[in-house]
Amino acid sequence: PRPEDPGVPQYLDEGALESANVALANA
C-alpha cells in the first residue's frame, strides 16, 4: 500500500549506492 505520508521516499534504495548508475536512476 502507498505510504500515508507522500513525503516518504519510495525509490531511494540504499543498497543501490554501490552502483552509481542505478542510484542515479533511483534519484
PDB file of all heavy atoms in Angstrom:
ATOM      1  N   PRO A   1       0.839  -1.211   0.000  1.00  0.00           N
ATOM      2  CA  PRO A   1       0.000   0.000   0.000  1.00  0.00           C
ATOM      3  C   PRO A   1       0.868   1.253   0.000  1.00  0.00           C
ATOM      4  O   PRO A   1       1.961   1.265   0.574  1.00  0.00           O
ATOM      5  CB  PRO A   1      -0.809  -0.122   1.296  1.00  0.00           C
ATOM      6  CG  PRO A   1       0.001  -1.043   2.163  1.00  0.00           C
ATOM      7  CD  PRO A   1       0.690  -1.994   1.229  1.00  0.00           C
ATOM      8  N   ARG A   2       0.383   2.272  -0.661  1.00  0.00           N
ATOM      9  CA  ARG A   2       1.114   3.531  -0.706  1.00  0.00           C
ATOM     10  C   ARG A   2       1.244   4.099   0.712  1.00  0.00           C
ATOM     11  O   ARG A   2       0.301   4.024   1.498  1.00  0.00           O
ATOM     12  CB  ARG A   2       0.370   4.541  -1.583  1.00  0.00           C
ATOM     13  CG  ARG A   2       0.388   4.199  -3.054  1.00  0.00           C
ATOM     14  CD  ARG A   2       1.737   4.508  -3.662  1.00  0.00           C
ATOM     15  NE  ARG A   2       1.757   4.241  -5.098  1.00  0.00           N
ATOM     16  CZ  ARG A   2       2.814   4.424  -5.859  1.00  0.00           C
ATOM     17  NH1 ARG A   2       3.934   4.863  -5.324  1.00  0.00           N
ATOM     18  NH2 ARG A   2       2.760   4.161  -7.150  1.00  0.00           N
ATOM     19  N   PRO A   3       2.405   4.644   1.055  1.00  0.00           N
ATOM     20  CA  PRO A   3       2.543   5.243   2.386  1.00  0.00           C
ATOM     21  C   PRO A   3       1.599   6.427   2.543  1.00  0.00           C
ATOM     22  O   PRO A   3       1.329   7.162   1.600  1.00  0.00           O
ATOM     23  CB  PRO A   3       4.020   5.689   2.422  1.00  0.00           C
ATOM     24  CG  PRO A   3       4.427   5.797   0.984  1.00  0.00           C
ATOM     25  CD  PRO A   3       3.635   4.773   0.256  1.00  0.00           C
ATOM     26  N   GLU A   4       1.076   6.582   3.758  1.00  0.00           N
ATOM     27  CA  GLU A   4       0.148   7.679   4.015  1.00  0.00           C
ATOM     28  C   GLU A   4       0.833   9.029   3.878  1.00  0.00           C
ATOM     29  O   GLU A   4       0.204  10.015   3.516  1.00  0.00           O
ATOM     30  CB  GLU A   4      -0.451   7.524   5.415  1.00  0.00           C
ATOM     31  CG  GLU A   4      -1.336   6.282   5.568  1.00  0.00           C
ATOM     32  CD  GLU A   4      -1.945   6.201   6.949  1.00  0.00           C
ATOM     33  OE1 GLU A   4      -1.707   7.120   7.756  1.00  0.00           O
ATOM     34  OE2 GLU A   4      -2.665   5.220   7.218  1.00  0.00           O
ATOM     35  N   ASP A   5       2.125   9.078   4.167  1.00  0.00           N
ATOM     36  CA  ASP A   5       2.874  10.328   4.063  1.00  0.00           C
ATOM     37  C   ASP A   5       3.570  10.383   2.707  1.00  0.00           C
ATOM     38  O   ASP A   5       4.532   9.653   2.469  1.00  0.00           O
ATOM     39  CB  ASP A   5       3.915  10.398   5.186  1.00  0.00           C
ATOM     40  CG  ASP A   5       4.651  11.734   5.206  1.00  0.00           C
ATOM     41  OD1 ASP A   5       4.387  12.571   4.323  1.00  0.00           O
ATOM     42  OD2 ASP A   5       5.484  11.929   6.112  1.00  0.00           O
ATOM     43  N   PRO A   6       3.099  11.222   1.773  1.00  0.00           N
ATOM     44  CA  PRO A   6       3.751  11.302   0.459  1.00  0.00           C
ATOM     45  C   PRO A   6       5.183  11.834   0.524  1.00  0.00           C
ATOM     46  O   PRO A   6       5.921  11.732  -0.450  1.00  0.00           O
ATOM     47  CB  PRO A   6       2.845  12.280  -0.321  1.00  0.00           C
ATOM     48  CG  PRO A   6       1.547  12.269   0.399  1.00  0.00           C
ATOM     49  CD  PRO A   6       1.894  12.068   1.824  1.00  0.00           C
ATOM     50  N   GLY A   7       5.575  12.408   1.667  1.00  0.00           N
ATOM     51  CA  GLY A   7       6.934  12.908   1.802  1.00  0.00           C
ATOM     52  C   GLY A   7       7.954  11.824   2.082  1.00  0.00           C
ATOM     53  O   GLY A   7       9.160  12.106   2.135  1.00  0.00           O
ATOM     54  N   VAL A   8       7.508  10.579   2.237  1.00  0.00           N
ATOM     55  CA  VAL A   8       8.427   9.456   2.475  1.00  0.00           C
ATOM     56  C   VAL A   8       8.959   8.955   1.137  1.00  0.00           C
ATOM     57  O   VAL A   8       8.175   8.632   0.236  1.00  0.00           O
ATOM     58  CB  VAL A   8       7.708   8.313   3.223  1.00  0.00           C
ATOM     59  CG1 VAL A   8       8.623   7.113   3.369  1.00  0.00           C
ATOM     60  CG2 VAL A   8       7.222   8.793   4.574  1.00  0.00           C
ATOM     61  N   PRO A   9      10.276   8.867   0.953  1.00  0.00           N
ATOM     62  CA  PRO A   9      10.829   8.388  -0.329  1.00  0.00           C
ATOM     63  C   PRO A   9      10.418   6.940  -0.609  1.00  0.00           C
ATOM     64  O   PRO A   9      10.313   6.124   0.309  1.00  0.00           O
ATOM     65  CB  PRO A   9      12.350   8.497  -0.123  1.00  0.00           C
ATOM     66  CG  PRO A   9      12.529   9.432   1.012  1.00  0.00           C
ATOM     67  CD  PRO A   9      11.332   9.276   1.893  1.00  0.00           C
ATOM     68  N   GLN A  10      10.205   6.637  -1.877  1.00  0.00           N
ATOM     69  CA  GLN A  10       9.806   5.292  -2.274  1.00  0.00           C
ATOM     70  C   GLN A  10      10.878   4.559  -3.088  1.00  0.00           C
ATOM     71  O   GLN A  10      10.854   3.337  -3.178  1.00  0.00           O
ATOM     72  CB  GLN A  10       8.514   5.363  -3.100  1.00  0.00           C
ATOM     73  CG  GLN A  10       7.318   5.909  -2.340  1.00  0.00           C
ATOM     74  CD  GLN A  10       6.064   5.946  -3.199  1.00  0.00           C
ATOM     75  OE1 GLN A  10       5.999   5.347  -4.266  1.00  0.00           O
ATOM     76  NE2 GLN A  10       5.050   6.671  -2.736  1.00  0.00           N
ATOM     77  N   TYR A  11      11.803   5.290  -3.679  1.00  0.00           N
ATOM     78  CA  TYR A  11      12.745   4.666  -4.618  1.00  0.00           C
ATOM     79  C   TYR A  11      14.208   4.808  -4.228  1.00  0.00           C
ATOM     80  O   TYR A  11      15.080   4.330  -4.951  1.00  0.00           O
ATOM     81  CB  TYR A  11      12.547   5.281  -6.013  1.00  0.00           C
ATOM     82  CG  TYR A  11      11.142   5.188  -6.523  1.00  0.00           C
ATOM     83  CD1 TYR A  11      10.330   6.314  -6.606  1.00  0.00           C
ATOM     84  CD2 TYR A  11      10.600   3.959  -6.899  1.00  0.00           C
ATOM     85  CE1 TYR A  11       9.026   6.228  -7.062  1.00  0.00           C
ATOM     86  CE2 TYR A  11       9.290   3.861  -7.350  1.00  0.00           C
ATOM     87  CZ  TYR A  11       8.514   5.003  -7.439  1.00  0.00           C
ATOM     88  OH  TYR A  11       7.221   4.909  -7.875  1.00  0.00           O
ATOM     89  N   LEU A  12      14.503   5.440  -3.112  1.00  0.00           N
ATOM     90  CA  LEU A  12      15.902   5.686  -2.730  1.00  0.00           C
ATOM     91  C   LEU A  12      16.452   4.468  -1.995  1.00  0.00           C
ATOM     92  O   LEU A  12      16.587   4.447  -0.772  1.00  0.00           O
ATOM     93  CB  LEU A  12      16.010   6.944  -1.868  1.00  0.00           C
ATOM     94  CG  LEU A  12      15.487   8.225  -2.516  1.00  0.00           C
ATOM     95  CD1 LEU A  12      15.716   9.417  -1.597  1.00  0.00           C
ATOM     96  CD2 LEU A  12      16.145   8.470  -3.872  1.00  0.00           C
ATOM     97  N   ASP A  13      16.802   3.444  -2.759  1.00  0.00           N
ATOM     98  CA  ASP A  13      17.298   2.182  -2.211  1.00  0.00           C
ATOM     99  C   ASP A  13      18.756   2.351  -1.796  1.00  0.00           C
ATOM    100  O   ASP A  13      19.631   2.611  -2.622  1.00  0.00           O
ATOM    101  CB  ASP A  13      17.161   1.085  -3.274  1.00  0.00           C
ATOM    102  CG  ASP A  13      17.578  -0.277  -2.757  1.00  0.00           C
ATOM    103  OD1 ASP A  13      17.875  -0.394  -1.560  1.00  0.00           O
ATOM    104  OD2 ASP A  13      17.618  -1.228  -3.565  1.00  0.00           O
ATOM    105  N   GLU A  14      19.035   2.194  -0.498  1.00  0.00           N
ATOM    106  CA  GLU A  14      20.403   2.348  -0.001  1.00  0.00           C
ATOM    107  C   GLU A  14      21.333   1.281  -0.581  1.00  0.00           C
ATOM    108  O   GLU A  14      22.526   1.523  -0.766  1.00  0.00           O
ATOM    109  CB  GLU A  14      20.417   2.252   1.533  1.00  0.00           C
ATOM    110  CG  GLU A  14      19.626   3.332   2.233  1.00  0.00           C
ATOM    111  CD  GLU A  14      20.248   4.717   2.078  1.00  0.00           C
ATOM    112  OE1 GLU A  14      21.480   4.781   1.894  1.00  0.00           O
ATOM    113  OE2 GLU A  14      19.500   5.710   2.120  1.00  0.00           O
ATOM    114  N   GLY A  15      20.790   0.104  -0.860  1.00  0.00           N
ATOM    115  CA  GLY A  15      21.625  -0.961  -1.404  1.00  0.00           C
ATOM    116  C   GLY A  15      22.151  -0.671  -2.799  1.00  0.00           C
ATOM    117  O   GLY A  15      23.090  -1.310  -3.261  1.00  0.00           O
ATOM    118  N   ALA A  16      21.549   0.316  -3.491  1.00  0.00           N
ATOM    119  CA  ALA A  16      21.979   0.631  -4.857  1.00  0.00           C
ATOM    120  C   ALA A  16      23.109   1.643  -4.894  1.00  0.00           C
ATOM    121  O   ALA A  16      23.606   1.964  -5.976  1.00  0.00           O
ATOM    122  CB  ALA A  16      20.784   1.170  -5.657  1.00  0.00           C
ATOM    123  N   LEU A  17      23.542   2.151  -3.745  1.00  0.00           N
ATOM    124  CA  LEU A  17      24.570   3.189  -3.736  1.00  0.00           C
ATOM    125  C   LEU A  17      25.909   2.686  -4.259  1.00  0.00           C
ATOM    126  O   LEU A  17      26.756   3.478  -4.659  1.00  0.00           O
ATOM    127  CB  LEU A  17      24.739   3.746  -2.309  1.00  0.00           C
ATOM    128  CG  LEU A  17      23.583   4.625  -1.810  1.00  0.00           C
ATOM    129  CD1 LEU A  17      23.752   4.947  -0.337  1.00  0.00           C
ATOM    130  CD2 LEU A  17      23.500   5.899  -2.632  1.00  0.00           C
ATOM    131  N   GLU A  18      26.123   1.362  -4.236  1.00  0.00           N
ATOM    132  CA  GLU A  18      27.372   0.818  -4.759  1.00  0.00           C
ATOM    133  C   GLU A  18      27.429   0.887  -6.275  1.00  0.00           C
ATOM    134  O   GLU A  18      28.501   0.745  -6.862  1.00  0.00           O
ATOM    135  CB  GLU A  18      27.560  -0.629  -4.289  1.00  0.00           C
ATOM    136  CG  GLU A  18      27.733  -0.755  -2.774  1.00  0.00           C
ATOM    137  CD  GLU A  18      27.985  -2.181  -2.347  1.00  0.00           C
ATOM    138  OE1 GLU A  18      28.069  -3.052  -3.239  1.00  0.00           O
ATOM    139  OE2 GLU A  18      28.077  -2.432  -1.138  1.00  0.00           O
ATOM    140  N   SER A  19      26.299   1.050  -6.909  1.00  0.00           N
ATOM    141  CA  SER A  19      26.235   1.155  -8.363  1.00  0.00           C
ATOM    142  C   SER A  19      25.696   2.534  -8.717  1.00  0.00           C
ATOM    143  O   SER A  19      24.515   2.814  -8.554  1.00  0.00           O
ATOM    144  CB  SER A  19      25.320   0.064  -8.946  1.00  0.00           C
ATOM    145  OG  SER A  19      25.196   0.197 -10.333  1.00  0.00           O
ATOM    146  N   ALA A  20      26.592   3.408  -9.199  1.00  0.00           N
ATOM    147  CA  ALA A  20      26.236   4.814  -9.389  1.00  0.00           C
ATOM    148  C   ALA A  20      25.067   4.989 -10.348  1.00  0.00           C
ATOM    149  O   ALA A  20      24.151   5.772 -10.091  1.00  0.00           O
ATOM    150  CB  ALA A  20      27.453   5.599  -9.890  1.00  0.00           C
ATOM    151  N   ASN A  21      25.088   4.262 -11.476  1.00  0.00           N
ATOM    152  CA  ASN A  21      24.035   4.470 -12.472  1.00  0.00           C
ATOM    153  C   ASN A  21      22.677   4.026 -11.944  1.00  0.00           C
ATOM    154  O   ASN A  21      21.651   4.646 -12.246  1.00  0.00           O
ATOM    155  CB  ASN A  21      24.377   3.749 -13.773  1.00  0.00           C
ATOM    156  CG  ASN A  21      24.602   2.273 -13.569  1.00  0.00           C
ATOM    157  OD1 ASN A  21      23.713   1.465 -13.727  1.00  0.00           O
ATOM    158  ND2 ASN A  21      25.822   1.894 -13.194  1.00  0.00           N
ATOM    159  N   VAL A  22      22.647   2.972 -11.120  1.00  0.00           N
ATOM    160  CA  VAL A  22      21.388   2.532 -10.525  1.00  0.00           C
ATOM    161  C   VAL A  22      20.908   3.556  -9.502  1.00  0.00           C
ATOM    162  O   VAL A  22      19.724   3.919  -9.464  1.00  0.00           O
ATOM    163  CB  VAL A  22      21.555   1.147  -9.865  1.00  0.00           C
ATOM    164  CG1 VAL A  22      20.258   0.723  -9.187  1.00  0.00           C
ATOM    165  CG2 VAL A  22      21.965   0.111 -10.896  1.00  0.00           C
ATOM    166  N   ALA A  23      21.827   4.049  -8.664  1.00  0.00           N
ATOM    167  CA  ALA A  23      21.456   5.036  -7.654  1.00  0.00           C
ATOM    168  C   ALA A  23      20.934   6.318  -8.298  1.00  0.00           C
ATOM    169  O   ALA A  23      19.967   6.919  -7.818  1.00  0.00           O
ATOM    170  CB  ALA A  23      22.661   5.339  -6.763  1.00  0.00           C
ATOM    171  N   LEU A  24      21.559   6.744  -9.393  1.00  0.00           N
ATOM    172  CA  LEU A  24      21.105   7.956 -10.080  1.00  0.00           C
ATOM    173  C   LEU A  24      19.725   7.745 -10.692  1.00  0.00           C
ATOM    174  O   LEU A  24      18.898   8.665 -10.714  1.00  0.00           O
ATOM    175  CB  LEU A  24      22.113   8.361 -11.150  1.00  0.00           C
ATOM    176  CG  LEU A  24      23.460   8.870 -10.620  1.00  0.00           C
ATOM    177  CD1 LEU A  24      24.437   9.085 -11.767  1.00  0.00           C
ATOM    178  CD2 LEU A  24      23.280  10.160  -9.841  1.00  0.00           C
ATOM    179  N   ALA A  25      19.474   6.552 -11.212  1.00  0.00           N
ATOM    180  CA  ALA A  25      18.135   6.259 -11.739  1.00  0.00           C
ATOM    181  C   ALA A  25      17.097   6.308 -10.618  1.00  0.00           C
ATOM    182  O   ALA A  25      15.983   6.809 -10.807  1.00  0.00           O
ATOM    183  CB  ALA A  25      18.120   4.889 -12.414  1.00  0.00           C
ATOM    184  N   ASN A  26      17.465   5.809  -9.431  1.00  0.00           N
ATOM    185  CA  ASN A  26      16.555   5.885  -8.289  1.00  0.00           C
ATOM    186  C   ASN A  26      16.268   7.335  -7.914  1.00  0.00           C
ATOM    187  O   ASN A  26      15.114   7.714  -7.652  1.00  0.00           O
ATOM    188  CB  ASN A  26      17.176   5.167  -7.087  1.00  0.00           C
ATOM    189  CG  ASN A  26      17.293   3.673  -7.296  1.00  0.00           C
ATOM    190  OD1 ASN A  26      16.680   3.123  -8.202  1.00  0.00           O
ATOM    191  ND2 ASN A  26      18.070   3.027  -6.465  1.00  0.00           N
ATOM    192  N   ALA A  27      17.330   8.152  -7.863  1.00  0.00           N
ATOM    193  CA  ALA A  27      17.154   9.563  -7.500  1.00  0.00           C
ATOM    194  C   ALA A  27      16.299  10.293  -8.534  1.00  0.00           C
ATOM    195  O   ALA A  27      15.469  11.142  -8.182  1.00  0.00           O
ATOM    196  CB  ALA A  27      18.520  10.233  -7.355  1.00  0.00           C
TER     197      ALA A  27
END
